[in-house]
Amino acid sequence: MPSDATPVGTTNPWPVLTNGGTTAANIKDTDEDGISDSWEMKHGLNSKDASDGYKTNLNKEGYTNLEVYINSLVSE
């Protein structure tokens, strides 16, 4: 059984999806606030304190730290 379902001589109209190099360590979230531990450490948050997810100390416009994190994923 072939690993590629695209018939020989044709191209697939859909992009090939990859994980972009993401590993389990990149997305580990110890405090379950929705922000990865690695991102929290990089931005001075506590990866063992879930309350920092809804705080707004990383943004002057009033966005929560979780919103700042999610927006950073779009730009990566």
C-alpha atoms as a PDB file:
ATOM      1  CA  MET A   1       0.000   0.000   0.000  1.00  0.00           C
ATOM      2  CA  PRO A   2       1.531   3.344  -1.012  1.00  0.00           C
ATOM      3  CA  SER A   3       2.163   5.972   1.640  1.00  0.00           C
ATOM      4  CA  ASP A   4       1.087   8.722  -0.764  1.00  0.00           C
ATOM      5  CA  ALA A   5      -2.507   8.635  -1.989  1.00  0.00           C
ATOM      6  CA  THR A   6      -1.785  11.084  -4.831  1.00  0.00           C
ATOM      7  CA  PRO A   7      -1.844   9.242  -8.167  1.00  0.00           C
ATOM      8  CA  VAL A   8       1.426   9.189 -10.121  1.00  0.00           C
ATOM      9  CA  GLY A   9       1.740  12.159 -12.460  1.00  0.00           C
ATOM     10  CA  THR A  10      -0.636  14.427 -10.536  1.00  0.00           C
ATOM     11  CA  THR A  11      -0.143  17.068  -7.891  1.00  0.00           C
ATOM     12  CA  ASN A  12      -1.952  17.394  -4.620  1.00  0.00           C
ATOM     13  CA  PRO A  13      -3.988  20.637  -4.373  1.00  0.00           C
ATOM     14  CA  TRP A  14      -3.650  20.627  -0.586  1.00  0.00           C
ATOM     15  CA  PRO A  15      -0.550  21.849   1.240  1.00  0.00           C
ATOM     16  CA  VAL A  16       1.592  19.359   3.085  1.00  0.00           C
ATOM     17  CA  LEU A  17       1.051  19.925   6.790  1.00  0.00           C
ATOM     18  CA  THR A  18       3.957  19.751   9.214  1.00  0.00           C
ATOM     19  CA  ASN A  19       4.335  20.421  12.896  1.00  0.00           C
ATOM     20  CA  GLY A  20       6.864  23.185  12.239  1.00  0.00           C
ATOM     21  CA  GLY A  21       9.381  21.562  14.550  1.00  0.00           C
ATOM     22  CA  THR A  22       7.054  21.625  17.555  1.00  0.00           C
ATOM     23  CA  THR A  23       7.905  19.113  20.242  1.00  0.00           C
ATOM     24  CA  ALA A  24       6.096  18.039  23.399  1.00  0.00           C
ATOM     25  CA  ALA A  25       8.551  20.142  25.414  1.00  0.00           C
ATOM     26  CA  ASN A  26       7.576  23.253  23.399  1.00  0.00           C
ATOM     27  CA  ILE A  27       3.912  22.950  24.313  1.00  0.00           C
ATOM     28  CA  LYS A  28       4.082  21.601  27.874  1.00  0.00           C
ATOM     29  CA  ASP A  29       1.773  23.621  30.139  1.00  0.00           C
ATOM     30  CA  THR A  30       2.369  22.688  33.779  1.00  0.00           C
ATOM     31  CA  ASP A  31      -0.149  25.115  35.310  1.00  0.00           C
ATOM     32  CA  GLU A  32      -2.772  24.506  32.571  1.00  0.00           C
ATOM     33  CA  ASP A  33      -3.392  28.207  31.930  1.00  0.00           C
ATOM     34  CA  GLY A  34      -3.185  27.757  28.157  1.00  0.00           C
ATOM     35  CA  ILE A  35       0.318  29.227  27.884  1.00  0.00           C
ATOM     36  CA  SER A  36       3.272  26.934  27.223  1.00  0.00           C
ATOM     37  CA  ASP A  37       5.909  26.708  29.946  1.00  0.00           C
ATOM     38  CA  SER A  38       8.682  27.705  27.542  1.00  0.00           C
ATOM     39  CA  TRP A  39       6.834  30.891  26.518  1.00  0.00           C
ATOM     40  CA  GLU A  40       6.049  31.743  30.147  1.00  0.00           C
ATOM     41  CA  MET A  41       9.710  31.399  31.137  1.00  0.00           C
ATOM     42  CA  LYS A  42      10.819  33.459  28.130  1.00  0.00           C
ATOM     43  CA  HIS A  43       8.430  36.277  29.130  1.00  0.00           C
ATOM     44  CA  GLY A  44       9.036  36.247  32.880  1.00  0.00           C
ATOM     45  CA  LEU A  45       5.836  34.453  33.898  1.00  0.00           C
ATOM     46  CA  ASN A  46       5.568  31.583  36.366  1.00  0.00           C
ATOM     47  CA  SER A  47       4.882  28.242  34.681  1.00  0.00           C
ATOM     48  CA  LYS A  48       3.488  26.940  37.990  1.00  0.00           C
ATOM     49  CA  ASP A  49       0.997  29.793  38.559  1.00  0.00           C
ATOM     50  CA  ALA A  50      -2.182  29.547  36.481  1.00  0.00           C
ATOM     51  CA  SER A  51      -3.355  32.996  37.564  1.00  0.00           C
ATOM     52  CA  ASP A  52      -0.776  34.743  35.389  1.00  0.00           C
ATOM     53  CA  GLY A  53      -2.738  33.644  32.309  1.00  0.00           C
ATOM     54  CA  TYR A  54      -5.531  36.138  32.956  1.00  0.00           C
ATOM     55  CA  LYS A  55      -3.309  38.947  34.242  1.00  0.00           C
ATOM     56  CA  THR A  56      -2.441  41.844  31.943  1.00  0.00           C
ATOM     57  CA  ASN A  57       1.140  42.630  32.986  1.00  0.00           C
ATOM     58  CA  LEU A  58       2.645  41.905  29.527  1.00  0.00           C
ATOM     59  CA  ASN A  59       0.388  44.314  27.645  1.00  0.00           C
ATOM     60  CA  LYS A  60      -0.458  47.990  28.170  1.00  0.00           C
ATOM     61  CA  GLU A  61      -3.647  47.779  26.075  1.00  0.00           C
ATOM     62  CA  GLY A  62      -5.358  45.473  28.570  1.00  0.00           C
ATOM     63  CA  TYR A  63      -5.002  42.152  26.778  1.00  0.00           C
ATOM     64  CA  THR A  64      -4.500  39.184  29.071  1.00  0.00           C
ATOM     65  CA  ASN A  65      -1.208  37.323  29.018  1.00  0.00           C
ATOM     66  CA  LEU A  66      -3.061  34.393  27.430  1.00  0.00           C
ATOM     67  CA  GLU A  67      -4.268  36.673  24.614  1.00  0.00           C
ATOM     68  CA  VAL A  68      -0.733  37.997  24.112  1.00  0.00           C
ATOM     69  CA  TYR A  69       0.527  34.397  23.928  1.00  0.00           C
ATOM     70  CA  ILE A  70      -2.136  33.327  21.415  1.00  0.00           C
ATOM     71  CA  ASN A  71      -1.412  36.365  19.238  1.00  0.00           C
ATOM     72  CA  SER A  72       2.288  35.503  19.316  1.00  0.00           C
ATOM     73  CA  LEU A  73       1.476  32.092  17.824  1.00  0.00           C
ATOM     74  CA  VAL A  74      -0.002  33.752  14.754  1.00  0.00           C
ATOM     75  CA  SER A  75       3.178  35.708  14.092  1.00  0.00           C
ATOM     76  CA  GLU A  76       5.498  32.697  14.472  1.00  0.00           C
END
